[in-house]
Amino acid sequence: MSEWEIFYYKDKKGNVPVHEFVESHRIKDQVKLFDWIERLGKLGPKANRPLVDYLGDNIYELRIKLSDTESRILYFYIFKNCIILTNAWNKKNKAKSKMEYNKQIEKAKKCMNDYTGRIKSKEDL
């Protein structure tokens, strides 16, 4: 099985949203988040529900259930075997879930457009 390389989106100011998101959790949950990211790297596009879901416009979500919440990490594929993790959040309640999804998907699209505009080859990652 081929492994996919995982990269974290870094904005022009040097912020790395997914890494910051993971670090904001307790150690136990950080371990689980990194474990699921590693699983994604092993499976790539072969990953399916309940691990991942396709949200449209080349944006996918990694679905992680933590001890007290559900977390989502959005990502996209680039080049031959690269995954770019763009942004992440903890799902709150179902009533606000759709609005939050739309907001986060828009963020991921902006990250993807920014990255694909700046990154011309795998060596630039």
Protein backbone atom coordinates (compact mmCIF):
# COMPACT_ATOMS: atom_id res chain seq x y z
CA MET A 1 0.00 0.00 0.00
CA SER A 2 1.45 3.36 -0.99
CA GLU A 3 1.54 6.10 1.58
CA TRP A 4 0.42 9.64 0.97
CA GLU A 5 2.48 12.54 2.25
CA ILE A 6 0.65 14.79 4.71
CA PHE A 7 1.35 18.52 4.68
CA TYR A 8 -0.15 21.23 6.86
CA TYR A 9 -1.43 24.35 5.17
CA LYS A 10 0.67 27.35 6.21
CA ASP A 11 -0.70 30.80 5.47
CA LYS A 12 1.38 33.76 4.33
CA LYS A 13 1.87 34.86 7.95
CA GLY A 14 3.24 31.45 8.95
CA ASN A 15 0.15 30.25 10.82
CA VAL A 16 -0.58 26.52 10.61
CA PRO A 17 -4.28 26.18 11.53
CA VAL A 18 -4.54 22.38 11.82
CA HIS A 19 -1.38 22.06 13.89
CA GLU A 20 -2.59 24.83 16.18
CA PHE A 21 -5.96 23.09 16.46
CA VAL A 22 -4.37 19.78 17.46
CA GLU A 23 -2.11 21.45 20.02
CA SER A 24 -5.14 23.11 21.63
CA HIS A 25 -6.42 19.72 22.81
CA ARG A 26 -5.46 17.54 25.76
CA ILE A 27 -2.51 15.21 25.18
CA LYS A 28 -4.77 12.16 25.00
CA ASP A 29 -6.83 13.76 22.22
CA GLN A 30 -3.72 15.05 20.43
CA VAL A 31 -2.46 11.48 20.19
CA LYS A 32 -5.77 10.36 18.72
CA LEU A 33 -5.86 13.25 16.23
CA PHE A 34 -2.31 12.51 15.03
CA ASP A 35 -3.16 8.79 14.81
CA TRP A 36 -6.13 9.51 12.54
CA ILE A 37 -4.02 11.85 10.40
CA GLU A 38 -1.50 9.03 10.06
CA ARG A 39 -4.29 6.63 9.02
CA LEU A 40 -5.35 9.09 6.36
CA GLY A 41 -1.77 9.15 5.08
CA LYS A 42 -1.79 5.37 4.73
CA LEU A 43 -5.14 5.18 2.96
CA GLY A 44 -5.28 8.37 0.88
CA PRO A 45 -8.27 8.35 -1.48
CA LYS A 46 -9.12 4.76 -0.47
CA ALA A 47 -10.34 6.07 2.89
CA ASN A 48 -14.11 6.26 3.16
CA ARG A 49 -16.90 6.75 5.71
CA PRO A 50 -16.84 6.80 8.63
CA LEU A 51 -13.17 7.90 8.52
CA VAL A 52 -13.61 10.52 5.78
CA ASP A 53 -16.32 12.18 3.77
CA TYR A 54 -16.26 14.12 0.49
CA LEU A 55 -17.77 17.60 0.90
CA GLY A 56 -17.57 18.78 -2.71
CA ASP A 57 -15.26 21.08 -4.69
CA ASN A 58 -12.25 18.80 -4.00
CA ILE A 59 -12.61 19.28 -0.23
CA TYR A 60 -12.70 16.28 2.12
CA GLU A 61 -13.13 15.94 5.86
CA LEU A 62 -11.37 13.64 8.28
CA ARG A 63 -13.96 12.69 10.91
CA ILE A 64 -12.63 12.08 14.42
CA LYS A 65 -14.61 11.29 17.55
CA LEU A 66 -12.76 12.44 20.65
CA SER A 67 -13.67 11.76 24.26
CA ASP A 68 -15.99 14.75 24.59
CA THR A 69 -16.58 16.05 21.05
CA GLU A 70 -16.38 15.30 17.36
CA SER A 71 -13.60 16.97 15.40
CA ARG A 72 -13.29 17.63 11.71
CA ILE A 73 -10.12 18.28 9.74
CA LEU A 74 -10.59 19.48 6.16
CA TYR A 75 -8.11 18.67 3.41
CA PHE A 76 -7.51 18.36 -0.30
CA TYR A 77 -5.28 16.32 -2.60
CA ILE A 78 -2.50 17.89 -4.65
CA PHE A 79 0.12 16.51 -7.03
CA LYS A 80 0.57 12.76 -7.23
CA ASN A 81 0.44 11.71 -3.58
CA CYS A 82 0.11 14.75 -1.31
CA ILE A 83 -2.62 15.69 1.13
CA ILE A 84 -2.87 19.25 2.43
CA LEU A 85 -4.67 19.66 5.78
CA THR A 86 -6.29 23.10 5.68
CA ASN A 87 -8.40 23.81 8.76
CA ALA A 88 -10.17 22.09 11.64
CA TRP A 89 -12.87 22.55 14.24
CA ASN A 90 -14.88 20.78 16.90
CA LYS A 91 -18.47 20.07 15.99
CA LYS A 92 -20.82 21.61 18.49
CA ASN A 93 -24.57 21.12 18.23
CA LYS A 94 -26.55 19.93 15.23
CA ALA A 95 -28.56 23.15 14.89
CA LYS A 96 -25.44 25.21 14.15
CA SER A 97 -23.66 22.38 12.37
CA LYS A 98 -24.72 23.25 8.79
CA MET A 99 -23.73 26.91 9.15
CA GLU A 100 -20.38 25.90 10.66
CA TYR A 101 -19.77 23.36 7.87
CA ASN A 102 -20.41 25.99 5.22
CA LYS A 103 -18.09 28.45 6.96
CA GLN A 104 -15.32 25.86 7.31
CA ILE A 105 -15.71 24.63 3.71
CA GLU A 106 -15.31 28.22 2.49
CA LYS A 107 -12.14 28.54 4.63
CA ALA A 108 -10.79 25.31 3.13
CA LYS A 109 -11.49 26.54 -0.41
CA LYS A 110 -9.64 29.78 0.30
CA CYS A 111 -6.70 27.79 1.68
CA MET A 112 -6.71 25.53 -1.37
CA ASN A 113 -6.81 28.49 -3.78
CA ASP A 114 -4.07 30.27 -1.86
CA TYR A 115 -1.87 27.19 -1.75
CA THR A 116 -2.34 26.16 -5.36
CA GLY A 117 -1.52 29.74 -6.35
CA ARG A 118 1.74 29.74 -4.38
CA ILE A 119 2.84 26.11 -4.72
CA LYS A 120 3.83 25.13 -8.24
CA SER A 121 5.56 21.80 -7.57
CA LYS A 122 5.90 19.20 -4.85
CA GLU A 123 9.33 20.62 -4.00
CA ASP A 124 7.66 23.89 -2.94
CA LEU A 125 5.70 22.10 -0.19
